[in-house]
Amino acid sequence: MAAFVKAINAKIRSNPVTDYFCSTHFWGPASNFGIPLAAVLDTQKSPELISGQMTGALSIYAITFMRYSLAVTPKNYLLFACHFVNTGAQLTQGYRYIDYHYWGGKEKLQATQASAAAKAPRAAEKVVEKAVGIAKPAVAGKA
């Protein structure tokens, strides 16, 4: 059995493409891409959910290992791309956190929600009127 495993390993390692896909230079960054993927998807969520400390820590992590990916031999460009995307996503989240908590974003969001809530009852009336087929009589002078 050991001879069979050695033969398979020698066959895989003899081809540069399969050697790369069976190495940690590929699978490390491939599995690590979950972090930037989650960060990019989190940009669609409410900024009140963002942790400033975690965003800062992940930014430092991504920047540090982006540099490390180019310092190793051979250079790992897939790992660099992973941390580059993560850095961009974390810096975006950091901007959203600061904007929401310190630059008036919270007040803007509350004002938007209040105006949407004020418009909601009238919009609901229009939907009901249209569904039932009732139209309110037009007031003289208004079109």
N, C-alpha and C. Protein backbone atom coordinates (compact mmCIF):
# COMPACT_ATOMS: atom_id res chain seq x y z
N MET A 1 0.82 -1.20 0.00
CA MET A 1 0.00 0.00 0.00
C MET A 1 0.86 1.26 0.00
N ALA A 2 1.96 1.23 0.78
CA ALA A 2 2.85 2.38 0.84
C ALA A 2 3.48 2.68 -0.52
N ALA A 3 3.81 1.62 -1.26
CA ALA A 3 4.40 1.80 -2.59
C ALA A 3 3.38 2.44 -3.53
N PHE A 4 2.11 2.06 -3.39
CA PHE A 4 1.05 2.64 -4.22
C PHE A 4 0.89 4.13 -3.94
N VAL A 5 0.90 4.51 -2.66
CA VAL A 5 0.77 5.92 -2.27
C VAL A 5 1.96 6.71 -2.78
N LYS A 6 3.17 6.14 -2.68
CA LYS A 6 4.37 6.81 -3.19
C LYS A 6 4.28 7.02 -4.70
N ALA A 7 3.78 6.03 -5.40
CA ALA A 7 3.65 6.13 -6.86
C ALA A 7 2.65 7.21 -7.25
N ILE A 8 1.52 7.28 -6.55
CA ILE A 8 0.51 8.32 -6.83
C ILE A 8 1.08 9.70 -6.53
N ASN A 9 1.78 9.81 -5.40
CA ASN A 9 2.38 11.09 -5.02
C ASN A 9 3.42 11.54 -6.04
N ALA A 10 4.25 10.59 -6.53
CA ALA A 10 5.25 10.92 -7.54
C ALA A 10 4.59 11.37 -8.83
N LYS A 11 3.48 10.73 -9.19
CA LYS A 11 2.75 11.11 -10.41
C LYS A 11 2.18 12.53 -10.26
N ILE A 12 1.60 12.82 -9.10
CA ILE A 12 1.03 14.16 -8.86
C ILE A 12 2.12 15.22 -8.87
N ARG A 13 3.22 14.94 -8.18
CA ARG A 13 4.30 15.93 -8.05
C ARG A 13 5.08 16.12 -9.34
N SER A 14 4.98 15.21 -10.30
CA SER A 14 5.72 15.35 -11.55
C SER A 14 5.07 16.38 -12.47
N ASN A 15 3.78 16.63 -12.30
CA ASN A 15 3.07 17.61 -13.12
C ASN A 15 2.99 18.93 -12.32
N PRO A 16 3.50 20.05 -12.87
CA PRO A 16 3.52 21.31 -12.11
C PRO A 16 2.11 21.82 -11.73
N VAL A 17 1.13 21.56 -12.59
CA VAL A 17 -0.23 22.05 -12.31
C VAL A 17 -0.84 21.27 -11.15
N THR A 18 -0.79 19.96 -11.21
CA THR A 18 -1.35 19.18 -10.11
C THR A 18 -0.52 19.34 -8.84
N ASP A 19 0.78 19.55 -8.99
CA ASP A 19 1.63 19.80 -7.82
C ASP A 19 1.17 21.08 -7.11
N TYR A 20 0.84 22.12 -7.89
CA TYR A 20 0.37 23.38 -7.29
C TYR A 20 -0.98 23.19 -6.61
N PHE A 21 -1.91 22.51 -7.28
CA PHE A 21 -3.25 22.33 -6.72
C PHE A 21 -3.27 21.38 -5.52
N CYS A 22 -2.22 20.63 -5.32
CA CYS A 22 -2.14 19.74 -4.16
C CYS A 22 -1.23 20.32 -3.08
N SER A 23 -0.90 21.60 -3.18
CA SER A 23 0.01 22.20 -2.20
C SER A 23 -0.72 23.18 -1.28
N THR A 24 -0.04 23.54 -0.21
CA THR A 24 -0.61 24.53 0.70
C THR A 24 -0.58 25.93 0.09
N HIS A 25 0.23 26.13 -0.94
CA HIS A 25 0.23 27.42 -1.62
C HIS A 25 -1.09 27.69 -2.33
N PHE A 26 -1.83 26.63 -2.64
CA PHE A 26 -3.16 26.80 -3.22
C PHE A 26 -4.25 26.69 -2.15
N TRP A 27 -4.23 25.62 -1.36
CA TRP A 27 -5.33 25.36 -0.43
C TRP A 27 -5.38 26.31 0.75
N GLY A 28 -4.24 26.85 1.16
CA GLY A 28 -4.24 27.84 2.24
C GLY A 28 -5.06 29.07 1.86
N PRO A 29 -4.71 29.74 0.76
CA PRO A 29 -5.50 30.91 0.34
C PRO A 29 -6.92 30.55 -0.07
N ALA A 30 -7.10 29.39 -0.69
CA ALA A 30 -8.45 29.01 -1.12
C ALA A 30 -9.39 28.88 0.08
N SER A 31 -8.91 28.27 1.14
CA SER A 31 -9.75 28.15 2.34
C SER A 31 -9.84 29.47 3.09
N ASN A 32 -8.83 30.31 2.96
CA ASN A 32 -8.81 31.61 3.64
C ASN A 32 -9.74 32.62 2.98
N PHE A 33 -10.15 32.36 1.74
CA PHE A 33 -11.02 33.31 1.02
C PHE A 33 -12.39 33.45 1.68
N GLY A 34 -12.72 32.61 2.64
CA GLY A 34 -13.98 32.75 3.36
C GLY A 34 -14.06 34.05 4.14
N ILE A 35 -12.93 34.52 4.66
CA ILE A 35 -12.92 35.75 5.45
C ILE A 35 -13.26 36.96 4.58
N PRO A 36 -12.55 37.20 3.45
CA PRO A 36 -12.93 38.35 2.64
C PRO A 36 -14.31 38.21 2.00
N LEU A 37 -14.72 36.97 1.70
CA LEU A 37 -16.05 36.77 1.14
C LEU A 37 -17.12 37.20 2.14
N ALA A 38 -16.95 36.81 3.39
CA ALA A 38 -17.88 37.22 4.44
C ALA A 38 -17.86 38.74 4.64
N ALA A 39 -16.67 39.33 4.57
CA ALA A 39 -16.57 40.78 4.75
C ALA A 39 -17.25 41.53 3.61
N VAL A 40 -17.10 41.04 2.40
CA VAL A 40 -17.76 41.70 1.26
C VAL A 40 -19.28 41.57 1.39
N LEU A 41 -19.76 40.41 1.80
CA LEU A 41 -21.21 40.22 1.98
C LEU A 41 -21.73 41.07 3.14
N ASP A 42 -20.91 41.31 4.15
CA ASP A 42 -21.33 42.12 5.30
C ASP A 42 -21.49 43.60 4.94
N THR A 43 -20.95 44.03 3.82
CA THR A 43 -21.12 45.44 3.43
C THR A 43 -22.57 45.76 3.09
N GLN A 44 -23.40 44.73 2.91
CA GLN A 44 -24.81 44.94 2.61
C GLN A 44 -25.66 45.00 3.87
N LYS A 45 -25.07 44.72 5.02
CA LYS A 45 -25.82 44.71 6.27
C LYS A 45 -25.77 46.10 6.93
N SER A 46 -26.59 46.27 7.95
CA SER A 46 -26.66 47.54 8.66
C SER A 46 -25.32 47.87 9.32
N PRO A 47 -24.91 49.13 9.26
CA PRO A 47 -23.63 49.51 9.88
C PRO A 47 -23.65 49.43 11.40
N GLU A 48 -24.82 49.35 12.01
CA GLU A 48 -24.86 49.25 13.46
C GLU A 48 -24.36 47.89 13.95
N LEU A 49 -24.25 46.91 13.06
CA LEU A 49 -23.78 45.58 13.41
C LEU A 49 -22.26 45.45 13.37
N ILE A 50 -21.57 46.47 12.85
CA ILE A 50 -20.12 46.39 12.66
C ILE A 50 -19.40 46.58 13.99
N SER A 51 -18.44 45.72 14.26
CA SER A 51 -17.58 45.85 15.43
C SER A 51 -16.33 46.61 15.02
N GLY A 52 -16.12 47.77 15.62
CA GLY A 52 -14.95 48.58 15.28
C GLY A 52 -13.65 47.90 15.63
N GLN A 53 -13.59 47.23 16.79
CA GLN A 53 -12.37 46.56 17.21
C GLN A 53 -12.05 45.37 16.29
N MET A 54 -13.05 44.61 15.94
CA MET A 54 -12.81 43.45 15.06
C MET A 54 -12.40 43.90 13.67
N THR A 55 -13.02 44.96 13.18
CA THR A 55 -12.66 45.48 11.86
C THR A 55 -11.23 45.96 11.86
N GLY A 56 -10.82 46.65 12.92
CA GLY A 56 -9.43 47.11 13.03
C GLY A 56 -8.45 45.95 13.07
N ALA A 57 -8.78 44.93 13.86
CA ALA A 57 -7.90 43.76 13.97
C ALA A 57 -7.79 43.03 12.64
N LEU A 58 -8.90 42.87 11.94
CA LEU A 58 -8.86 42.18 10.64
C LEU A 58 -8.14 43.01 9.59
N SER A 59 -8.21 44.33 9.68
CA SER A 59 -7.46 45.18 8.75
C SER A 59 -5.96 45.00 8.94
N ILE A 60 -5.52 45.03 10.19
CA ILE A 60 -4.10 44.84 10.49
C ILE A 60 -3.64 43.45 10.06
N TYR A 61 -4.46 42.45 10.34
CA TYR A 61 -4.15 41.07 9.93
C TYR A 61 -3.98 40.98 8.42
N ALA A 62 -4.93 41.54 7.68
CA ALA A 62 -4.90 41.43 6.22
C ALA A 62 -3.69 42.17 5.64
N ILE A 63 -3.40 43.35 6.16
CA ILE A 63 -2.24 44.12 5.66
C ILE A 63 -0.94 43.39 5.97
N THR A 64 -0.83 42.84 7.18
CA THR A 64 0.39 42.12 7.58
C THR A 64 0.63 40.91 6.68
N PHE A 65 -0.40 40.10 6.48
CA PHE A 65 -0.21 38.88 5.71
C PHE A 65 -0.22 39.13 4.21
N MET A 66 -0.70 40.29 3.78
CA MET A 66 -0.54 40.66 2.37
C MET A 66 0.95 40.85 2.10
N ARG A 67 1.64 41.49 3.03
CA ARG A 67 3.08 41.67 2.91
C ARG A 67 3.81 40.33 3.01
N TYR A 68 3.37 39.50 3.95
CA TYR A 68 4.01 38.20 4.16
C TYR A 68 3.89 37.31 2.91
N SER A 69 2.77 37.40 2.22
CA SER A 69 2.56 36.54 1.04
C SER A 69 3.58 36.82 -0.05
N LEU A 70 4.14 38.03 -0.07
CA LEU A 70 5.16 38.36 -1.06
C LEU A 70 6.58 38.16 -0.52
N ALA A 71 6.71 37.96 0.79
CA ALA A 71 8.02 37.77 1.40
C ALA A 71 8.48 36.32 1.35
N VAL A 72 7.53 35.38 1.23
CA VAL A 72 7.90 33.96 1.20
C VAL A 72 8.43 33.59 -0.18
N THR A 73 9.14 32.47 -0.22
CA THR A 73 9.65 31.97 -1.49
C THR A 73 9.03 30.60 -1.74
N PRO A 74 8.38 30.39 -2.85
CA PRO A 74 8.04 31.34 -3.91
C PRO A 74 6.90 32.26 -3.48
N LYS A 75 6.82 33.41 -4.13
CA LYS A 75 5.78 34.37 -3.81
C LYS A 75 4.40 33.74 -4.01
N ASN A 76 3.50 34.00 -3.08
CA ASN A 76 2.17 33.40 -3.16
C ASN A 76 1.17 34.48 -3.56
N TYR A 77 0.95 34.62 -4.86
CA TYR A 77 0.08 35.68 -5.38
C TYR A 77 -1.40 35.42 -5.07
N LEU A 78 -1.79 34.17 -4.95
CA LEU A 78 -3.17 33.86 -4.58
C LEU A 78 -3.45 34.31 -3.14
N LEU A 79 -2.50 34.10 -2.25
CA LEU A 79 -2.64 34.58 -0.87
C LEU A 79 -2.63 36.11 -0.84
N PHE A 80 -1.81 36.72 -1.67
CA PHE A 80 -1.79 38.19 -1.76
C PHE A 80 -3.16 38.70 -2.20
N ALA A 81 -3.74 38.07 -3.22
CA ALA A 81 -5.06 38.51 -3.70
C ALA A 81 -6.12 38.35 -2.62
N CYS A 82 -6.06 37.26 -1.88
CA CYS A 82 -7.00 37.02 -0.79
C CYS A 82 -6.93 38.14 0.24
N HIS A 83 -5.72 38.48 0.67
CA HIS A 83 -5.56 39.52 1.69
C HIS A 83 -5.79 40.92 1.12
N PHE A 84 -5.56 41.10 -0.16
CA PHE A 84 -5.84 42.38 -0.80
C PHE A 84 -7.35 42.65 -0.79
N VAL A 85 -8.14 41.64 -1.16
CA VAL A 85 -9.60 41.76 -1.13
C VAL A 85 -10.08 41.98 0.31
N ASN A 86 -9.49 41.23 1.23
CA ASN A 86 -9.87 41.37 2.64
C ASN A 86 -9.54 42.77 3.16
N THR A 87 -8.38 43.31 2.79
CA THR A 87 -8.02 44.67 3.22
C THR A 87 -9.03 45.68 2.70
N GLY A 88 -9.38 45.57 1.43
CA GLY A 88 -10.38 46.48 0.86
C GLY A 88 -11.72 46.39 1.56
N ALA A 89 -12.16 45.17 1.82
CA ALA A 89 -13.45 44.96 2.49
C ALA A 89 -13.42 45.49 3.92
N GLN A 90 -12.33 45.23 4.64
CA GLN A 90 -12.24 45.69 6.02
C GLN A 90 -12.13 47.21 6.11
N LEU A 91 -11.41 47.83 5.18
CA LEU A 91 -11.32 49.29 5.18
C LEU A 91 -12.68 49.91 4.84
N THR A 92 -13.44 49.26 3.96
CA THR A 92 -14.80 49.71 3.66
C THR A 92 -15.68 49.61 4.91
N GLN A 93 -15.57 48.49 5.61
CA GLN A 93 -16.34 48.32 6.85
C GLN A 93 -15.91 49.34 7.90
N GLY A 94 -14.62 49.63 7.96
CA GLY A 94 -14.13 50.64 8.91
C GLY A 94 -14.69 52.01 8.60
N TYR A 95 -14.74 52.36 7.32
CA TYR A 95 -15.34 53.64 6.93
C TYR A 95 -16.82 53.68 7.31
N ARG A 96 -17.53 52.60 7.04
CA ARG A 96 -18.96 52.55 7.38
C ARG A 96 -19.17 52.67 8.89
N TYR A 97 -18.30 52.04 9.68
CA TYR A 97 -18.39 52.12 11.14
C TYR A 97 -18.19 53.56 11.62
N ILE A 98 -17.14 54.20 11.14
CA ILE A 98 -16.84 55.58 11.55
C ILE A 98 -17.95 56.52 11.08
N ASP A 99 -18.41 56.33 9.84
CA ASP A 99 -19.49 57.18 9.32
C ASP A 99 -20.75 57.03 10.17
N TYR A 100 -21.10 55.84 10.54
CA TYR A 100 -22.32 55.59 11.30
C TYR A 100 -22.22 56.12 12.73
N HIS A 101 -21.10 55.85 13.39
CA HIS A 101 -21.00 56.18 14.81
C HIS A 101 -20.47 57.58 15.09
N TYR A 102 -19.69 58.17 14.19
CA TYR A 102 -19.04 59.43 14.51
C TYR A 102 -19.34 60.58 13.53
N TRP A 103 -19.76 60.27 12.30
CA TRP A 103 -19.96 61.32 11.31
C TRP A 103 -21.43 61.55 10.96
N GLY A 104 -22.34 61.17 11.83
CA GLY A 104 -23.75 61.47 11.65
C GLY A 104 -24.54 60.46 10.84
N GLY A 105 -24.00 59.33 10.56
CA GLY A 105 -24.72 58.32 9.79
C GLY A 105 -25.91 57.75 10.53
N LYS A 106 -25.80 57.66 11.86
CA LYS A 106 -26.90 57.13 12.66
C LYS A 106 -28.12 58.04 12.55
N GLU A 107 -27.88 59.35 12.63
CA GLU A 107 -28.97 60.32 12.53
C GLU A 107 -29.60 60.31 11.13
N LYS A 108 -28.77 60.20 10.11
CA LYS A 108 -29.29 60.14 8.74
C LYS A 108 -30.17 58.91 8.55
N LEU A 109 -29.74 57.77 9.08
CA LEU A 109 -30.51 56.54 8.95
C LEU A 109 -31.83 56.64 9.69
N GLN A 110 -31.81 57.22 10.88
CA GLN A 110 -33.04 57.39 11.65
C GLN A 110 -34.01 58.34 10.94
N ALA A 111 -33.49 59.41 10.33
CA ALA A 111 -34.34 60.34 9.60
C ALA A 111 -34.95 59.66 8.38
N THR A 112 -34.18 58.85 7.69
CA THR A 112 -34.68 58.12 6.53
C THR A 112 -35.77 57.13 6.94
N GLN A 113 -35.55 56.44 8.04
CA GLN A 113 -36.54 55.49 8.51
C GLN A 113 -37.81 56.19 8.97
N ALA A 114 -37.68 57.37 9.60
CA ALA A 114 -38.85 58.12 10.05
C ALA A 114 -39.67 58.63 8.86
N SER A 115 -39.01 59.12 7.83
CA SER A 115 -39.75 59.60 6.66
C SER A 115 -40.42 58.45 5.92
N ALA A 116 -39.76 57.28 5.89
CA ALA A 116 -40.36 56.11 5.25
C ALA A 116 -41.58 55.64 6.05
N ALA A 117 -41.49 55.72 7.37
CA ALA A 117 -42.62 55.31 8.21
C ALA A 117 -43.80 56.27 8.05
N ALA A 118 -43.50 57.54 7.84
CA ALA A 118 -44.58 58.52 7.66
C ALA A 118 -45.29 58.32 6.32
N LYS A 119 -44.57 57.87 5.31
CA LYS A 119 -45.16 57.66 3.98
C LYS A 119 -45.90 56.32 3.89
N ALA A 120 -45.57 55.40 4.75
CA ALA A 120 -46.12 54.04 4.66
C ALA A 120 -47.64 53.98 4.78
N PRO A 121 -48.29 54.69 5.73
CA PRO A 121 -49.75 54.57 5.82
C PRO A 121 -50.47 55.03 4.56
N ARG A 122 -50.05 56.13 3.97
CA ARG A 122 -50.69 56.64 2.76
C ARG A 122 -50.47 55.68 1.59
N ALA A 123 -49.28 55.10 1.50
CA ALA A 123 -49.01 54.14 0.44
C ALA A 123 -49.89 52.90 0.61
N ALA A 124 -50.10 52.47 1.85
CA ALA A 124 -50.96 51.32 2.12
C ALA A 124 -52.40 51.63 1.74
N GLU A 125 -52.86 52.86 2.01
CA GLU A 125 -54.22 53.26 1.62
C GLU A 125 -54.39 53.18 0.11
N LYS A 126 -53.38 53.67 -0.63
CA LYS A 126 -53.46 53.65 -2.09
C LYS A 126 -53.54 52.22 -2.61
N VAL A 127 -52.79 51.31 -2.01
CA VAL A 127 -52.80 49.92 -2.45
C VAL A 127 -54.18 49.31 -2.20
N VAL A 128 -54.75 49.58 -1.03
CA VAL A 128 -56.07 49.05 -0.70
C VAL A 128 -57.13 49.64 -1.64
N GLU A 129 -57.06 50.95 -1.88
CA GLU A 129 -58.02 51.59 -2.78
C GLU A 129 -57.95 50.99 -4.17
N LYS A 130 -56.75 50.76 -4.64
CA LYS A 130 -56.57 50.21 -5.97
C LYS A 130 -57.09 48.77 -6.03
N ALA A 131 -56.83 48.01 -4.99
CA ALA A 131 -57.28 46.62 -4.96
C ALA A 131 -58.79 46.51 -4.88
N VAL A 132 -59.41 47.38 -4.09
CA VAL A 132 -60.86 47.34 -3.91
C VAL A 132 -61.57 48.04 -5.07
N GLY A 133 -60.88 48.94 -5.71
CA GLY A 133 -61.48 49.67 -6.81
C GLY A 133 -62.17 50.95 -6.38
N ILE A 134 -61.84 51.40 -5.21
CA ILE A 134 -62.44 52.64 -4.70
C ILE A 134 -61.49 53.79 -4.98
N ALA A 135 -61.99 54.80 -5.55
CA ALA A 135 -61.20 56.00 -5.77
C ALA A 135 -61.84 57.14 -5.00
N LYS A 136 -61.04 57.86 -4.27
CA LYS A 136 -61.56 59.00 -3.52
C LYS A 136 -61.91 60.10 -4.52
N PRO A 137 -63.02 60.81 -4.26
CA PRO A 137 -63.37 61.88 -5.20
C PRO A 137 -62.33 62.98 -5.16
N ALA A 138 -62.06 63.51 -6.32
CA ALA A 138 -61.08 64.58 -6.43
C ALA A 138 -61.63 65.85 -5.82
N VAL A 139 -60.83 66.56 -5.11
CA VAL A 139 -61.22 67.83 -4.50
C VAL A 139 -61.14 68.90 -5.57
N ALA A 140 -62.12 69.79 -5.59
CA ALA A 140 -62.15 70.84 -6.61
C ALA A 140 -60.88 71.66 -6.57
N GLY A 141 -60.33 71.89 -7.72
CA GLY A 141 -59.12 72.70 -7.83
C GLY A 141 -57.85 71.89 -7.78
N LYS A 142 -57.95 70.61 -7.42
CA LYS A 142 -56.76 69.76 -7.37
C LYS A 142 -56.87 68.72 -8.49
N ALA A 143 -55.78 68.46 -9.10
CA ALA A 143 -55.80 67.50 -10.19
C ALA A 143 -55.18 66.20 -9.76
